[in-house]
């Protein structure tokens, strides 16, 4: 009986070792996990001007429809021509993980989060900032704010304004009924 128990324990140990070593480990994840519920924005990759309705855009003084400049939609508030909001949905590049894998080549790479979704700030310059938010493992919401007039509050804090606009998109799209 004792010999049978030893053989069984040995067989189980070998089975466990084989199971642990048989599957190769994938590359270590660099980007933060998407802790919130993923948001499906795939339909907006081809039609980014539909990301926000007129009622939401009015909070940004946008009263005219956006204009598509592929791959983004561009909105300009009615009270100034020195400020633009751009938004695009990227479902083809590999998501936020791909940005983290190439972070050494991304100008101004700075981790952030918007409404509990991980992202990065990039292209940070005088009056300009882009925020890329991982809203699903393979989907990025990219928002860029350009404020060319130094008198605009967005000029002093373009990343804050980009985060605010991205947060509006996430809040609106994340709470829409399926």
C-alpha atoms as a PDB file:
ATOM      1  CA  UNK A   1       0.000   0.000   0.000  1.00  0.00           C
ATOM      2  CA  UNK A   2       2.804   2.397   0.890  1.00  0.00           C
ATOM      3  CA  UNK A   3       4.578   1.767  -2.422  1.00  0.00           C
ATOM      4  CA  UNK A   4       1.338   2.437  -4.345  1.00  0.00           C
ATOM      5  CA  UNK A   5       0.832   5.732  -2.492  1.00  0.00           C
ATOM      6  CA  UNK A   6       4.396   6.804  -3.267  1.00  0.00           C
ATOM      7  CA  UNK A   7       3.958   5.978  -6.953  1.00  0.00           C
ATOM      8  CA  UNK A   8       0.642   7.894  -7.056  1.00  0.00           C
ATOM      9  CA  UNK A   9       2.129  10.956  -5.390  1.00  0.00           C
ATOM     10  CA  UNK A  10       5.135  10.800  -7.750  1.00  0.00           C
ATOM     11  CA  UNK A  11       2.853  10.522 -10.799  1.00  0.00           C
ATOM     12  CA  UNK A  12       0.775  13.492  -9.634  1.00  0.00           C
ATOM     13  CA  UNK A  13       3.932  15.544  -9.021  1.00  0.00           C
ATOM     14  CA  UNK A  14       5.263  14.778 -12.491  1.00  0.00           C
ATOM     15  CA  UNK A  15       1.853  15.608 -13.988  1.00  0.00           C
ATOM     16  CA  UNK A  16       1.802  18.959 -12.199  1.00  0.00           C
ATOM     17  CA  UNK A  17       5.352  19.787 -13.295  1.00  0.00           C
ATOM     18  CA  UNK A  18       4.527  18.875 -16.872  1.00  0.00           C
ATOM     19  CA  UNK A  19       1.351  20.985 -16.790  1.00  0.00           C
ATOM     20  CA  UNK A  20       3.249  23.953 -15.387  1.00  0.00           C
ATOM     21  CA  UNK A  21       6.060  23.818 -17.931  1.00  0.00           C
ATOM     22  CA  UNK A  22       4.214  22.752 -21.067  1.00  0.00           C
ATOM     23  CA  UNK A  23       2.621  26.124 -21.902  1.00  0.00           C
ATOM     24  CA  UNK A  24       5.072  28.876 -22.850  1.00  0.00           C
ATOM     25  CA  UNK A  25       4.598  32.126 -21.003  1.00  0.00           C
ATOM     26  CA  UNK A  26       3.400  35.041 -23.142  1.00  0.00           C
ATOM     27  CA  UNK A  27       5.030  38.436 -23.016  1.00  0.00           C
ATOM     28  CA  UNK A  28       4.542  40.341 -19.799  1.00  0.00           C
ATOM     29  CA  UNK A  29       1.756  42.921 -19.968  1.00  0.00           C
ATOM     30  CA  UNK A  30       3.095  46.480 -19.788  1.00  0.00           C
ATOM     31  CA  UNK A  31      -0.099  48.547 -19.842  1.00  0.00           C
ATOM     32  CA  UNK A  32      -2.414  48.780 -16.856  1.00  0.00           C
ATOM     33  CA  UNK A  33      -5.433  46.482 -17.030  1.00  0.00           C
ATOM     34  CA  UNK A  34      -8.788  47.891 -18.022  1.00  0.00           C
ATOM     35  CA  UNK A  35     -10.488  47.642 -14.654  1.00  0.00           C
ATOM     36  CA  UNK A  36     -13.805  49.199 -15.667  1.00  0.00           C
ATOM     37  CA  UNK A  37     -16.333  47.558 -17.999  1.00  0.00           C
ATOM     38  CA  UNK A  38     -15.053  47.621 -21.592  1.00  0.00           C
ATOM     39  CA  UNK A  39     -16.874  50.033 -23.880  1.00  0.00           C
ATOM     40  CA  UNK A  40     -17.596  48.876 -27.423  1.00  0.00           C
ATOM     41  CA  UNK A  41     -16.783  51.825 -29.681  1.00  0.00           C
ATOM     42  CA  UNK A  42     -15.995  49.765 -32.808  1.00  0.00           C
ATOM     43  CA  UNK A  43     -18.883  51.261 -34.792  1.00  0.00           C
ATOM     44  CA  UNK A  44     -17.373  54.737 -34.314  1.00  0.00           C
ATOM     45  CA  UNK A  45     -14.032  53.862 -35.917  1.00  0.00           C
ATOM     46  CA  UNK A  46     -15.597  54.646 -39.301  1.00  0.00           C
ATOM     47  CA  UNK A  47     -18.027  57.326 -38.022  1.00  0.00           C
ATOM     48  CA  UNK A  48     -16.298  59.230 -35.186  1.00  0.00           C
ATOM     49  CA  UNK A  49     -18.633  62.239 -35.364  1.00  0.00           C
ATOM     50  CA  UNK A  50     -21.324  60.078 -33.772  1.00  0.00           C
ATOM     51  CA  UNK A  51     -19.405  59.689 -30.505  1.00  0.00           C
ATOM     52  CA  UNK A  52     -21.333  62.538 -28.875  1.00  0.00           C
ATOM     53  CA  UNK A  53     -24.801  63.938 -29.561  1.00  0.00           C
ATOM     54  CA  UNK A  54     -25.481  67.660 -29.926  1.00  0.00           C
ATOM     55  CA  UNK A  55     -26.708  67.878 -26.326  1.00  0.00           C
ATOM     56  CA  UNK A  56     -23.328  66.710 -24.992  1.00  0.00           C
ATOM     57  CA  UNK A  57     -21.358  68.840 -27.451  1.00  0.00           C
ATOM     58  CA  UNK A  58     -23.263  71.940 -26.303  1.00  0.00           C
ATOM     59  CA  UNK A  59     -21.325  71.700 -22.998  1.00  0.00           C
ATOM     60  CA  UNK A  60     -18.259  72.561 -25.089  1.00  0.00           C
ATOM     61  CA  UNK A  61     -20.052  75.355 -26.985  1.00  0.00           C
ATOM     62  CA  UNK A  62     -20.088  73.215 -30.127  1.00  0.00           C
ATOM     63  CA  UNK A  63     -23.246  74.058 -32.067  1.00  0.00           C
ATOM     64  CA  UNK A  64     -22.343  72.778 -35.532  1.00  0.00           C
ATOM     65  CA  UNK A  65     -21.784  69.195 -36.657  1.00  0.00           C
ATOM     66  CA  UNK A  66     -18.282  67.818 -36.562  1.00  0.00           C
ATOM     67  CA  UNK A  67     -16.222  67.438 -39.708  1.00  0.00           C
ATOM     68  CA  UNK A  68     -14.521  64.151 -40.495  1.00  0.00           C
ATOM     69  CA  UNK A  69     -10.794  64.400 -41.125  1.00  0.00           C
ATOM     70  CA  UNK A  70      -9.975  60.681 -41.243  1.00  0.00           C
ATOM     71  CA  UNK A  71      -9.617  59.011 -38.904  1.00  0.00           C
ATOM     72  CA  UNK A  72     -10.945  61.692 -36.526  1.00  0.00           C
ATOM     73  CA  UNK A  73     -13.921  63.961 -36.168  1.00  0.00           C
ATOM     74  CA  UNK A  74     -13.100  67.616 -35.515  1.00  0.00           C
ATOM     75  CA  UNK A  75     -15.414  69.960 -33.603  1.00  0.00           C
ATOM     76  CA  UNK A  76     -14.883  73.705 -33.227  1.00  0.00           C
ATOM     77  CA  UNK A  77     -16.783  75.641 -30.552  1.00  0.00           C
ATOM     78  CA  UNK A  78     -18.994  78.431 -31.883  1.00  0.00           C
ATOM     79  CA  UNK A  79     -17.377  81.051 -29.647  1.00  0.00           C
ATOM     80  CA  UNK A  80     -13.837  80.670 -31.026  1.00  0.00           C
ATOM     81  CA  UNK A  81     -11.933  79.335 -33.979  1.00  0.00           C
ATOM     82  CA  UNK A  82      -8.804  78.957 -31.841  1.00  0.00           C
ATOM     83  CA  UNK A  83      -9.951  75.742 -30.170  1.00  0.00           C
ATOM     84  CA  UNK A  84     -10.673  72.342 -31.640  1.00  0.00           C
ATOM     85  CA  UNK A  85     -11.592  68.969 -30.218  1.00  0.00           C
ATOM     86  CA  UNK A  86     -10.733  65.857 -32.194  1.00  0.00           C
ATOM     87  CA  UNK A  87     -11.788  62.306 -31.416  1.00  0.00           C
ATOM     88  CA  UNK A  88     -11.048  59.022 -33.120  1.00  0.00           C
ATOM     89  CA  UNK A  89     -11.521  55.351 -32.310  1.00  0.00           C
ATOM     90  CA  UNK A  90      -8.660  52.972 -33.068  1.00  0.00           C
ATOM     91  CA  UNK A  91      -9.514  49.266 -33.201  1.00  0.00           C
ATOM     92  CA  UNK A  92      -6.636  48.134 -35.415  1.00  0.00           C
ATOM     93  CA  UNK A  93      -3.335  49.042 -33.722  1.00  0.00           C
ATOM     94  CA  UNK A  94      -3.385  46.640 -30.784  1.00  0.00           C
ATOM     95  CA  UNK A  95      -4.865  48.830 -28.075  1.00  0.00           C
ATOM     96  CA  UNK A  96      -3.158  50.483 -25.153  1.00  0.00           C
ATOM     97  CA  UNK A  97      -0.750  47.561 -24.769  1.00  0.00           C
ATOM     98  CA  UNK A  98       0.761  48.386 -28.172  1.00  0.00           C
ATOM     99  CA  UNK A  99       1.317  52.004 -27.112  1.00  0.00           C
ATOM    100  CA  UNK A 100       3.103  50.845 -23.959  1.00  0.00           C
ATOM    101  CA  UNK A 101       5.279  48.480 -26.019  1.00  0.00           C
ATOM    102  CA  UNK A 102       6.344  51.442 -28.190  1.00  0.00           C
ATOM    103  CA  UNK A 103       6.483  54.057 -25.428  1.00  0.00           C
ATOM    104  CA  UNK A 104      10.129  54.937 -26.109  1.00  0.00           C
ATOM    105  CA  UNK A 105       9.090  56.296 -29.515  1.00  0.00           C
ATOM    106  CA  UNK A 106       6.018  58.257 -28.326  1.00  0.00           C
ATOM    107  CA  UNK A 107       6.658  61.954 -27.713  1.00  0.00           C
ATOM    108  CA  UNK A 108       5.507  63.064 -24.274  1.00  0.00           C
ATOM    109  CA  UNK A 109       4.408  59.576 -23.131  1.00  0.00           C
ATOM    110  CA  UNK A 110       2.745  60.117 -19.746  1.00  0.00           C
ATOM    111  CA  UNK A 111       0.448  57.537 -18.069  1.00  0.00           C
ATOM    112  CA  UNK A 112      -2.941  58.796 -16.914  1.00  0.00           C
ATOM    113  CA  UNK A 113      -6.482  57.595 -16.406  1.00  0.00           C
ATOM    114  CA  UNK A 114      -9.889  59.001 -17.265  1.00  0.00           C
ATOM    115  CA  UNK A 115     -12.978  57.737 -15.439  1.00  0.00           C
ATOM    116  CA  UNK A 116     -11.065  54.639 -14.265  1.00  0.00           C
ATOM    117  CA  UNK A 117      -9.863  53.788 -17.792  1.00  0.00           C
ATOM    118  CA  UNK A 118      -6.078  53.724 -18.282  1.00  0.00           C
ATOM    119  CA  UNK A 119      -4.485  55.926 -20.880  1.00  0.00           C
ATOM    120  CA  UNK A 120      -1.547  58.078 -21.846  1.00  0.00           C
ATOM    121  CA  UNK A 121      -0.963  61.708 -22.651  1.00  0.00           C
ATOM    122  CA  UNK A 122       1.211  62.364 -25.702  1.00  0.00           C
ATOM    123  CA  UNK A 123       2.022  65.102 -28.208  1.00  0.00           C
ATOM    124  CA  UNK A 124       2.021  67.566 -25.348  1.00  0.00           C
ATOM    125  CA  UNK A 125       2.926  71.053 -26.500  1.00  0.00           C
ATOM    126  CA  UNK A 126       1.877  74.634 -26.156  1.00  0.00           C
ATOM    127  CA  UNK A 127      -1.896  74.469 -26.268  1.00  0.00           C
ATOM    128  CA  UNK A 128      -1.968  70.883 -27.583  1.00  0.00           C
ATOM    129  CA  UNK A 129      -2.430  67.475 -25.972  1.00  0.00           C
ATOM    130  CA  UNK A 130      -3.623  64.048 -27.042  1.00  0.00           C
ATOM    131  CA  UNK A 131      -4.996  61.505 -24.601  1.00  0.00           C
ATOM    132  CA  UNK A 132      -5.286  57.879 -25.696  1.00  0.00           C
ATOM    133  CA  UNK A 133      -7.641  55.911 -23.455  1.00  0.00           C
ATOM    134  CA  UNK A 134      -7.906  52.115 -23.445  1.00  0.00           C
ATOM    135  CA  UNK A 135     -11.677  51.556 -23.362  1.00  0.00           C
ATOM    136  CA  UNK A 136     -11.326  47.851 -24.275  1.00  0.00           C
ATOM    137  CA  UNK A 137      -8.301  45.578 -24.686  1.00  0.00           C
ATOM    138  CA  UNK A 138      -8.107  46.280 -28.416  1.00  0.00           C
ATOM    139  CA  UNK A 139      -9.754  49.722 -28.574  1.00  0.00           C
ATOM    140  CA  UNK A 140      -8.376  53.203 -28.008  1.00  0.00           C
ATOM    141  CA  UNK A 141     -10.350  56.414 -27.771  1.00  0.00           C
ATOM    142  CA  UNK A 142      -7.985  59.171 -28.913  1.00  0.00           C
ATOM    143  CA  UNK A 143      -8.882  62.776 -28.094  1.00  0.00           C
ATOM    144  CA  UNK A 144      -6.782  65.771 -29.097  1.00  0.00           C
ATOM    145  CA  UNK A 145      -7.300  69.350 -27.988  1.00  0.00           C
ATOM    146  CA  UNK A 146      -5.698  72.216 -29.893  1.00  0.00           C
ATOM    147  CA  UNK A 147      -5.994  75.673 -28.327  1.00  0.00           C
ATOM    148  CA  UNK A 148      -3.988  78.239 -30.274  1.00  0.00           C
ATOM    149  CA  UNK A 149      -5.155  81.334 -28.357  1.00  0.00           C
ATOM    150  CA  UNK A 150      -3.139  81.874 -25.143  1.00  0.00           C
ATOM    151  CA  UNK A 151      -6.218  83.553 -23.605  1.00  0.00           C
ATOM    152  CA  UNK A 152      -8.149  80.256 -23.613  1.00  0.00           C
ATOM    153  CA  UNK A 153      -8.052  78.188 -20.426  1.00  0.00           C
ATOM    154  CA  UNK A 154      -7.524  75.101 -22.615  1.00  0.00           C
ATOM    155  CA  UNK A 155      -4.273  76.658 -23.839  1.00  0.00           C
ATOM    156  CA  UNK A 156      -2.832  76.572 -20.323  1.00  0.00           C
ATOM    157  CA  UNK A 157      -4.055  73.018 -19.612  1.00  0.00           C
ATOM    158  CA  UNK A 158      -4.690  71.182 -22.890  1.00  0.00           C
ATOM    159  CA  UNK A 159      -4.329  67.744 -21.279  1.00  0.00           C
ATOM    160  CA  UNK A 160      -6.934  68.599 -18.655  1.00  0.00           C
ATOM    161  CA  UNK A 161      -9.296  69.705 -21.415  1.00  0.00           C
ATOM    162  CA  UNK A 162      -8.548  66.572 -23.488  1.00  0.00           C
ATOM    163  CA  UNK A 163      -9.254  64.425 -20.418  1.00  0.00           C
ATOM    164  CA  UNK A 164     -12.517  66.283 -19.792  1.00  0.00           C
ATOM    165  CA  UNK A 165     -13.711  65.763 -23.388  1.00  0.00           C
ATOM    166  CA  UNK A 166     -12.638  62.092 -23.349  1.00  0.00           C
ATOM    167  CA  UNK A 167     -14.447  61.700 -20.023  1.00  0.00           C
ATOM    168  CA  UNK A 168     -17.629  63.043 -21.597  1.00  0.00           C
ATOM    169  CA  UNK A 169     -17.369  60.484 -24.413  1.00  0.00           C
ATOM    170  CA  UNK A 170     -16.663  57.657 -21.957  1.00  0.00           C
ATOM    171  CA  UNK A 171     -19.492  58.739 -19.658  1.00  0.00           C
ATOM    172  CA  UNK A 172     -21.977  59.020 -22.512  1.00  0.00           C
ATOM    173  CA  UNK A 173     -21.006  55.868 -24.388  1.00  0.00           C
ATOM    174  CA  UNK A 174     -20.457  53.843 -21.210  1.00  0.00           C
ATOM    175  CA  UNK A 175     -23.986  54.534 -19.966  1.00  0.00           C
ATOM    176  CA  UNK A 176     -25.890  54.053 -23.226  1.00  0.00           C
ATOM    177  CA  UNK A 177     -28.413  51.281 -23.232  1.00  0.00           C
ATOM    178  CA  UNK A 178     -27.323  48.320 -25.382  1.00  0.00           C
END
